[in-house]
Amino acid sequence: TEWFDDWICSSEGSISEGEWDQILKIRSEVNKVIESSRNSGLIGSSLDAEVELFCSKDLKKILDKFTEELRFIFITSEAKALPEDGSGEKTGIEGLRLGISKTQNEKCERCWHSRPEVGSLKEHLTLCERCVINIQGDGETRKFA
């Protein structure tokens, strides 16, 4: 096992403290919608959810830095930042509306994320691509979450 004593710092793709604060506020709003969806029976767990974040240009600029990692921040199977268009449920954050739906994808037996490729990877029918990379490859690379 390799131990790192110092954090690797890079300005490339960095997230400011203010942006992290905004992400935490957005996550709180996402959690409210997830809980409401659980209570109504739409989803069971947060990993049953696909979240659409309809946002202002400023919020979308922050969220776009996370790309595929948004789903890890919100603990959902999918999360997409989309331009504000009046769709979704109003939140407590100006310029943010949320849509949630139950995923139609199969669940990975290793990470429990429901992903479109589960069932189609020839040698690993019950796993998602990310888990196959982590098991057989060099492992996934994440920047933030």
N, C-alpha and C. Protein backbone atom coordinates (compact mmCIF):
# COMPACT_ATOMS: atom_id res chain seq x y z
N THR A 1 0.84 -1.18 0.00
CA THR A 1 0.00 0.00 0.00
C THR A 1 0.88 1.24 0.00
N GLU A 2 0.50 2.17 -0.83
CA GLU A 2 1.25 3.42 -0.94
C GLU A 2 0.54 4.49 -0.12
N TRP A 3 1.29 5.25 0.66
CA TRP A 3 0.74 6.30 1.52
C TRP A 3 1.20 7.66 1.01
N PHE A 4 0.26 8.60 0.90
CA PHE A 4 0.59 9.95 0.44
C PHE A 4 0.56 10.90 1.63
N ASP A 5 1.69 11.57 1.88
CA ASP A 5 1.76 12.53 2.98
C ASP A 5 1.29 13.92 2.58
N ASP A 6 1.43 14.25 1.32
CA ASP A 6 1.06 15.58 0.84
C ASP A 6 -0.03 15.47 -0.21
N TRP A 7 -0.95 16.41 -0.18
CA TRP A 7 -1.99 16.48 -1.20
C TRP A 7 -1.38 17.01 -2.48
N ILE A 8 -1.81 16.48 -3.57
CA ILE A 8 -1.39 17.00 -4.87
C ILE A 8 -2.32 18.15 -5.20
N CYS A 9 -1.75 19.33 -5.39
CA CYS A 9 -2.55 20.51 -5.66
C CYS A 9 -2.36 20.95 -7.10
N SER A 10 -3.45 21.32 -7.71
CA SER A 10 -3.41 21.78 -9.09
C SER A 10 -4.51 22.81 -9.28
N SER A 11 -4.22 23.85 -10.02
CA SER A 11 -5.26 24.84 -10.30
C SER A 11 -6.16 24.38 -11.44
N GLU A 12 -5.74 23.35 -12.16
CA GLU A 12 -6.54 22.83 -13.28
C GLU A 12 -7.84 22.24 -12.76
N GLY A 13 -8.94 22.83 -13.19
CA GLY A 13 -10.24 22.32 -12.78
C GLY A 13 -10.54 22.49 -11.32
N SER A 14 -9.89 23.43 -10.66
CA SER A 14 -10.08 23.58 -9.23
C SER A 14 -11.46 24.15 -8.91
N ILE A 15 -11.90 23.87 -7.72
CA ILE A 15 -13.19 24.33 -7.22
C ILE A 15 -12.91 25.25 -6.03
N SER A 16 -13.45 26.44 -6.07
CA SER A 16 -13.23 27.39 -4.98
C SER A 16 -14.08 27.01 -3.76
N GLU A 17 -13.74 27.59 -2.63
CA GLU A 17 -14.50 27.33 -1.41
C GLU A 17 -15.96 27.78 -1.59
N GLY A 18 -16.15 28.92 -2.25
CA GLY A 18 -17.50 29.40 -2.51
C GLY A 18 -18.30 28.46 -3.40
N GLU A 19 -17.62 27.86 -4.38
CA GLU A 19 -18.29 26.90 -5.25
C GLU A 19 -18.66 25.63 -4.48
N TRP A 20 -17.77 25.19 -3.58
CA TRP A 20 -18.10 24.03 -2.75
C TRP A 20 -19.29 24.33 -1.85
N ASP A 21 -19.33 25.56 -1.30
CA ASP A 21 -20.49 25.94 -0.48
C ASP A 21 -21.77 25.86 -1.30
N GLN A 22 -21.71 26.32 -2.54
CA GLN A 22 -22.88 26.27 -3.42
C GLN A 22 -23.27 24.82 -3.71
N ILE A 23 -22.29 23.96 -3.95
CA ILE A 23 -22.56 22.54 -4.20
C ILE A 23 -23.26 21.92 -2.99
N LEU A 24 -22.81 22.24 -1.79
CA LEU A 24 -23.44 21.68 -0.59
C LEU A 24 -24.88 22.16 -0.44
N LYS A 25 -25.15 23.40 -0.80
CA LYS A 25 -26.53 23.91 -0.76
C LYS A 25 -27.39 23.19 -1.80
N ILE A 26 -26.83 22.99 -2.98
CA ILE A 26 -27.56 22.27 -4.03
C ILE A 26 -27.82 20.83 -3.59
N ARG A 27 -26.82 20.21 -2.98
CA ARG A 27 -27.00 18.82 -2.51
C ARG A 27 -28.13 18.74 -1.48
N SER A 28 -28.23 19.74 -0.63
CA SER A 28 -29.31 19.78 0.35
C SER A 28 -30.67 19.83 -0.34
N GLU A 29 -30.78 20.62 -1.40
CA GLU A 29 -32.03 20.71 -2.16
C GLU A 29 -32.33 19.38 -2.87
N VAL A 30 -31.31 18.77 -3.44
CA VAL A 30 -31.48 17.47 -4.09
C VAL A 30 -31.96 16.44 -3.06
N ASN A 31 -31.38 16.45 -1.88
CA ASN A 31 -31.78 15.50 -0.84
C ASN A 31 -33.24 15.68 -0.44
N LYS A 32 -33.73 16.92 -0.42
CA LYS A 32 -35.14 17.17 -0.09
C LYS A 32 -36.05 16.52 -1.13
N VAL A 33 -35.71 16.69 -2.41
CA VAL A 33 -36.52 16.12 -3.48
C VAL A 33 -36.44 14.59 -3.46
N ILE A 34 -35.26 14.06 -3.17
CA ILE A 34 -35.11 12.60 -3.07
C ILE A 34 -35.97 12.07 -1.93
N GLU A 35 -35.93 12.72 -0.78
CA GLU A 35 -36.71 12.26 0.37
C GLU A 35 -38.21 12.32 0.07
N SER A 36 -38.64 13.37 -0.58
CA SER A 36 -40.04 13.49 -0.97
C SER A 36 -40.42 12.36 -1.93
N SER A 37 -39.53 12.05 -2.85
CA SER A 37 -39.78 10.97 -3.81
C SER A 37 -39.79 9.60 -3.14
N ARG A 38 -38.98 9.45 -2.12
CA ARG A 38 -39.00 8.19 -1.35
C ARG A 38 -40.31 8.06 -0.59
N ASN A 39 -40.73 9.16 0.04
CA ASN A 39 -41.98 9.13 0.81
C ASN A 39 -43.19 8.86 -0.06
N SER A 40 -43.17 9.32 -1.30
CA SER A 40 -44.30 9.10 -2.21
C SER A 40 -44.26 7.72 -2.87
N GLY A 41 -43.14 7.00 -2.71
CA GLY A 41 -43.01 5.67 -3.30
C GLY A 41 -42.44 5.66 -4.71
N LEU A 42 -42.05 6.82 -5.23
CA LEU A 42 -41.47 6.86 -6.58
C LEU A 42 -40.16 6.07 -6.64
N ILE A 43 -39.33 6.23 -5.62
CA ILE A 43 -38.05 5.52 -5.54
C ILE A 43 -37.93 4.86 -4.18
N GLY A 44 -37.03 3.90 -4.09
CA GLY A 44 -36.73 3.27 -2.81
C GLY A 44 -35.57 3.98 -2.15
N SER A 45 -34.40 3.89 -2.78
CA SER A 45 -33.21 4.56 -2.24
C SER A 45 -32.77 5.64 -3.21
N SER A 46 -31.83 6.46 -2.79
CA SER A 46 -31.33 7.52 -3.67
C SER A 46 -30.68 6.95 -4.92
N LEU A 47 -30.14 5.73 -4.85
CA LEU A 47 -29.52 5.13 -6.03
C LEU A 47 -30.55 4.64 -7.06
N ASP A 48 -31.83 4.70 -6.71
CA ASP A 48 -32.90 4.43 -7.68
C ASP A 48 -33.21 5.66 -8.52
N ALA A 49 -32.60 6.80 -8.16
CA ALA A 49 -32.97 8.08 -8.76
C ALA A 49 -32.04 8.53 -9.87
N GLU A 50 -32.64 9.20 -10.83
CA GLU A 50 -31.92 9.98 -11.84
C GLU A 50 -32.38 11.42 -11.64
N VAL A 51 -31.44 12.32 -11.44
CA VAL A 51 -31.76 13.72 -11.12
C VAL A 51 -31.36 14.62 -12.28
N GLU A 52 -32.26 15.51 -12.63
CA GLU A 52 -31.98 16.55 -13.61
C GLU A 52 -31.97 17.88 -12.88
N LEU A 53 -30.88 18.61 -13.02
CA LEU A 53 -30.73 19.91 -12.39
C LEU A 53 -30.86 20.97 -13.48
N PHE A 54 -31.98 21.67 -13.49
CA PHE A 54 -32.21 22.74 -14.46
C PHE A 54 -31.69 24.02 -13.84
N CYS A 55 -30.62 24.57 -14.39
CA CYS A 55 -29.95 25.66 -13.70
C CYS A 55 -29.65 26.87 -14.56
N SER A 56 -29.46 27.97 -13.83
CA SER A 56 -29.00 29.21 -14.45
C SER A 56 -27.61 28.98 -15.02
N LYS A 57 -27.17 29.90 -15.85
CA LYS A 57 -25.83 29.77 -16.45
C LYS A 57 -24.75 29.71 -15.39
N ASP A 58 -24.87 30.53 -14.33
CA ASP A 58 -23.84 30.55 -13.28
C ASP A 58 -23.77 29.22 -12.53
N LEU A 59 -24.93 28.67 -12.16
CA LEU A 59 -24.93 27.38 -11.46
C LEU A 59 -24.46 26.26 -12.38
N LYS A 60 -24.89 26.30 -13.62
CA LYS A 60 -24.48 25.25 -14.57
C LYS A 60 -22.97 25.26 -14.78
N LYS A 61 -22.39 26.45 -14.78
CA LYS A 61 -20.94 26.56 -14.95
C LYS A 61 -20.21 25.84 -13.80
N ILE A 62 -20.73 25.96 -12.59
CA ILE A 62 -20.14 25.27 -11.44
C ILE A 62 -20.36 23.76 -11.57
N LEU A 63 -21.60 23.36 -11.81
CA LEU A 63 -21.94 21.93 -11.88
C LEU A 63 -21.23 21.22 -13.02
N ASP A 64 -21.01 21.92 -14.13
CA ASP A 64 -20.34 21.30 -15.27
C ASP A 64 -18.89 20.91 -14.96
N LYS A 65 -18.30 21.50 -13.94
CA LYS A 65 -16.93 21.13 -13.56
C LYS A 65 -16.87 19.69 -13.05
N PHE A 66 -17.99 19.19 -12.56
CA PHE A 66 -18.04 17.86 -11.95
C PHE A 66 -18.40 16.76 -12.94
N THR A 67 -18.98 17.10 -14.06
CA THR A 67 -19.40 16.16 -15.11
C THR A 67 -19.98 14.88 -14.52
N GLU A 68 -19.35 13.75 -14.77
CA GLU A 68 -19.84 12.44 -14.33
C GLU A 68 -19.81 12.26 -12.81
N GLU A 69 -19.09 13.11 -12.11
CA GLU A 69 -18.97 12.96 -10.66
C GLU A 69 -20.16 13.52 -9.89
N LEU A 70 -21.06 14.22 -10.56
CA LEU A 70 -22.24 14.74 -9.87
C LEU A 70 -23.03 13.63 -9.19
N ARG A 71 -23.13 12.49 -9.84
CA ARG A 71 -23.92 11.40 -9.25
C ARG A 71 -23.31 10.90 -7.94
N PHE A 72 -22.01 11.04 -7.78
CA PHE A 72 -21.38 10.63 -6.53
C PHE A 72 -21.64 11.66 -5.43
N ILE A 73 -21.70 12.92 -5.79
CA ILE A 73 -21.99 13.98 -4.82
C ILE A 73 -23.41 13.82 -4.28
N PHE A 74 -24.35 13.50 -5.17
CA PHE A 74 -25.76 13.38 -4.77
C PHE A 74 -26.15 11.96 -4.38
N ILE A 75 -25.25 11.01 -4.55
CA ILE A 75 -25.50 9.59 -4.27
C ILE A 75 -26.73 9.11 -5.04
N THR A 76 -26.71 9.38 -6.34
CA THR A 76 -27.77 8.94 -7.25
C THR A 76 -27.12 8.15 -8.39
N SER A 77 -27.92 7.44 -9.15
CA SER A 77 -27.36 6.67 -10.26
C SER A 77 -27.05 7.55 -11.46
N GLU A 78 -27.70 8.70 -11.55
CA GLU A 78 -27.45 9.64 -12.65
C GLU A 78 -27.77 11.04 -12.16
N ALA A 79 -27.00 12.01 -12.60
CA ALA A 79 -27.26 13.42 -12.31
C ALA A 79 -26.76 14.23 -13.49
N LYS A 80 -27.64 15.07 -14.02
CA LYS A 80 -27.30 15.87 -15.20
C LYS A 80 -27.62 17.33 -14.93
N ALA A 81 -26.68 18.20 -15.24
CA ALA A 81 -26.91 19.64 -15.19
C ALA A 81 -27.39 20.09 -16.57
N LEU A 82 -28.54 20.72 -16.61
CA LEU A 82 -29.16 21.15 -17.86
C LEU A 82 -29.49 22.64 -17.79
N PRO A 83 -29.60 23.30 -18.93
CA PRO A 83 -29.97 24.71 -18.91
C PRO A 83 -31.38 24.91 -18.35
N GLU A 84 -31.55 25.99 -17.65
CA GLU A 84 -32.84 26.36 -17.07
C GLU A 84 -33.86 26.55 -18.20
N ASP A 85 -35.00 25.85 -18.08
CA ASP A 85 -36.03 25.99 -19.12
C ASP A 85 -37.44 25.98 -18.54
N GLY A 86 -37.55 26.13 -17.22
CA GLY A 86 -38.86 26.12 -16.58
C GLY A 86 -39.30 24.74 -16.14
N SER A 87 -38.57 23.70 -16.55
CA SER A 87 -38.90 22.33 -16.14
C SER A 87 -38.47 22.11 -14.70
N GLY A 88 -39.03 21.08 -14.09
CA GLY A 88 -38.61 20.67 -12.76
C GLY A 88 -39.33 21.39 -11.64
N GLU A 89 -39.02 20.93 -10.46
CA GLU A 89 -39.62 21.44 -9.23
C GLU A 89 -38.80 22.61 -8.70
N LYS A 90 -39.47 23.66 -8.29
CA LYS A 90 -38.80 24.83 -7.74
C LYS A 90 -38.08 24.45 -6.44
N THR A 91 -36.93 25.07 -6.21
CA THR A 91 -36.15 24.82 -5.00
C THR A 91 -35.96 26.13 -4.24
N GLY A 92 -35.25 26.05 -3.13
CA GLY A 92 -34.93 27.23 -2.34
C GLY A 92 -33.74 28.00 -2.88
N ILE A 93 -33.20 27.58 -4.00
CA ILE A 93 -32.04 28.25 -4.60
C ILE A 93 -32.49 28.92 -5.90
N GLU A 94 -32.24 30.22 -5.98
CA GLU A 94 -32.57 30.97 -7.19
C GLU A 94 -31.80 30.39 -8.37
N GLY A 95 -32.52 30.13 -9.46
CA GLY A 95 -31.87 29.60 -10.66
C GLY A 95 -31.68 28.10 -10.66
N LEU A 96 -32.36 27.39 -9.75
CA LEU A 96 -32.26 25.92 -9.71
C LEU A 96 -33.63 25.30 -9.57
N ARG A 97 -33.94 24.42 -10.50
CA ARG A 97 -35.14 23.59 -10.43
C ARG A 97 -34.68 22.14 -10.60
N LEU A 98 -35.41 21.21 -9.99
CA LEU A 98 -34.98 19.81 -10.00
C LEU A 98 -36.06 18.89 -10.56
N GLY A 99 -35.62 17.93 -11.34
CA GLY A 99 -36.48 16.86 -11.81
C GLY A 99 -35.91 15.54 -11.33
N ILE A 100 -36.78 14.63 -10.94
CA ILE A 100 -36.31 13.32 -10.47
C ILE A 100 -37.18 12.24 -11.10
N SER A 101 -36.54 11.16 -11.47
CA SER A 101 -37.27 10.02 -12.02
C SER A 101 -36.61 8.74 -11.53
N LYS A 102 -37.39 7.67 -11.56
CA LYS A 102 -36.85 6.36 -11.19
C LYS A 102 -36.06 5.82 -12.38
N THR A 103 -34.85 5.38 -12.12
CA THR A 103 -34.02 4.84 -13.20
C THR A 103 -34.64 3.58 -13.79
N GLN A 104 -34.43 3.39 -15.06
CA GLN A 104 -34.89 2.19 -15.74
C GLN A 104 -33.73 1.22 -15.97
N ASN A 105 -32.55 1.60 -15.53
CA ASN A 105 -31.35 0.78 -15.73
C ASN A 105 -31.23 -0.31 -14.68
N GLU A 106 -30.45 -1.33 -15.00
CA GLU A 106 -30.17 -2.42 -14.06
C GLU A 106 -29.13 -1.98 -13.04
N LYS A 107 -29.22 -2.57 -11.85
CA LYS A 107 -28.31 -2.23 -10.76
C LYS A 107 -27.03 -3.07 -10.83
N CYS A 108 -25.89 -2.42 -10.67
CA CYS A 108 -24.61 -3.11 -10.58
C CYS A 108 -24.55 -3.82 -9.23
N GLU A 109 -24.18 -5.09 -9.24
CA GLU A 109 -24.16 -5.84 -7.98
C GLU A 109 -23.00 -5.45 -7.08
N ARG A 110 -22.02 -4.75 -7.60
CA ARG A 110 -20.86 -4.35 -6.80
C ARG A 110 -21.06 -2.98 -6.14
N CYS A 111 -21.45 -1.98 -6.92
CA CYS A 111 -21.55 -0.61 -6.38
C CYS A 111 -23.00 -0.16 -6.16
N TRP A 112 -23.95 -0.90 -6.68
CA TRP A 112 -25.38 -0.64 -6.56
C TRP A 112 -25.88 0.54 -7.37
N HIS A 113 -25.01 1.16 -8.17
CA HIS A 113 -25.48 2.21 -9.07
C HIS A 113 -26.18 1.53 -10.24
N SER A 114 -27.30 2.09 -10.66
CA SER A 114 -28.02 1.57 -11.82
C SER A 114 -27.47 2.27 -13.05
N ARG A 115 -26.89 1.48 -13.95
CA ARG A 115 -26.20 2.05 -15.11
C ARG A 115 -26.66 1.36 -16.39
N PRO A 116 -26.66 2.08 -17.51
CA PRO A 116 -27.17 1.51 -18.76
C PRO A 116 -26.37 0.31 -19.28
N GLU A 117 -25.10 0.22 -18.93
CA GLU A 117 -24.27 -0.87 -19.46
C GLU A 117 -24.38 -2.17 -18.66
N VAL A 118 -25.01 -2.14 -17.48
CA VAL A 118 -25.16 -3.37 -16.70
C VAL A 118 -25.99 -4.36 -17.52
N GLY A 119 -25.47 -5.56 -17.65
CA GLY A 119 -26.13 -6.60 -18.44
C GLY A 119 -25.59 -6.71 -19.86
N SER A 120 -24.75 -5.76 -20.26
CA SER A 120 -24.24 -5.78 -21.64
C SER A 120 -22.74 -6.00 -21.73
N LEU A 121 -22.04 -6.01 -20.61
CA LEU A 121 -20.59 -6.23 -20.63
C LEU A 121 -20.34 -7.74 -20.60
N LYS A 122 -19.90 -8.26 -21.70
CA LYS A 122 -19.87 -9.70 -21.97
C LYS A 122 -19.32 -10.54 -20.82
N GLU A 123 -18.18 -10.20 -20.28
CA GLU A 123 -17.57 -11.04 -19.24
C GLU A 123 -18.05 -10.69 -17.83
N HIS A 124 -18.79 -9.59 -17.70
CA HIS A 124 -19.25 -9.14 -16.39
C HIS A 124 -20.67 -8.61 -16.51
N LEU A 125 -21.60 -9.49 -16.73
CA LEU A 125 -22.98 -9.09 -17.00
C LEU A 125 -23.65 -8.36 -15.84
N THR A 126 -23.18 -8.57 -14.63
CA THR A 126 -23.84 -7.96 -13.47
C THR A 126 -23.12 -6.71 -12.96
N LEU A 127 -22.09 -6.27 -13.69
CA LEU A 127 -21.31 -5.11 -13.25
C LEU A 127 -21.44 -3.94 -14.22
N CYS A 128 -21.18 -2.74 -13.68
CA CYS A 128 -21.11 -1.54 -14.52
C CYS A 128 -19.67 -1.37 -15.02
N GLU A 129 -19.51 -0.52 -16.00
CA GLU A 129 -18.19 -0.30 -16.60
C GLU A 129 -17.18 0.21 -15.57
N ARG A 130 -17.63 1.11 -14.69
CA ARG A 130 -16.75 1.65 -13.66
C ARG A 130 -16.19 0.55 -12.76
N CYS A 131 -17.03 -0.38 -12.36
CA CYS A 131 -16.57 -1.47 -11.49
C CYS A 131 -15.61 -2.40 -12.22
N VAL A 132 -15.86 -2.66 -13.49
CA VAL A 132 -14.94 -3.49 -14.27
C VAL A 132 -13.57 -2.82 -14.34
N ILE A 133 -13.55 -1.52 -14.58
CA ILE A 133 -12.28 -0.77 -14.62
C ILE A 133 -11.58 -0.84 -13.27
N ASN A 134 -12.33 -0.75 -12.19
CA ASN A 134 -11.73 -0.81 -10.86
C ASN A 134 -11.23 -2.20 -10.49
N ILE A 135 -11.88 -3.23 -11.01
CA ILE A 135 -11.48 -4.60 -10.71
C ILE A 135 -10.34 -5.08 -11.61
N GLN A 136 -10.46 -4.83 -12.91
CA GLN A 136 -9.51 -5.38 -13.86
C GLN A 136 -8.50 -4.37 -14.41
N GLY A 137 -8.85 -3.11 -14.38
CA GLY A 137 -7.99 -2.10 -14.98
C GLY A 137 -7.14 -1.38 -13.95
N ASP A 138 -6.76 -0.16 -14.31
CA ASP A 138 -5.94 0.66 -13.43
C ASP A 138 -6.77 1.41 -12.40
N GLY A 139 -8.06 1.27 -12.44
CA GLY A 139 -8.93 1.98 -11.51
C GLY A 139 -9.40 3.29 -12.11
N GLU A 140 -10.53 3.75 -11.61
CA GLU A 140 -11.10 4.99 -12.13
C GLU A 140 -10.31 6.19 -11.64
N THR A 141 -10.44 7.28 -12.37
CA THR A 141 -9.82 8.54 -11.98
C THR A 141 -10.94 9.54 -11.73
N ARG A 142 -10.93 10.11 -10.54
CA ARG A 142 -11.89 11.15 -10.22
C ARG A 142 -11.12 12.39 -9.79
N LYS A 143 -11.72 13.55 -10.02
CA LYS A 143 -11.08 14.80 -9.63
C LYS A 143 -11.58 15.30 -8.28
N PHE A 144 -12.89 15.14 -8.03
CA PHE A 144 -13.48 15.82 -6.89
C PHE A 144 -14.28 14.94 -5.94
N ALA A 145 -15.02 13.99 -6.45
CA ALA A 145 -15.95 13.27 -5.57
C ALA A 145 -15.77 11.76 -5.69
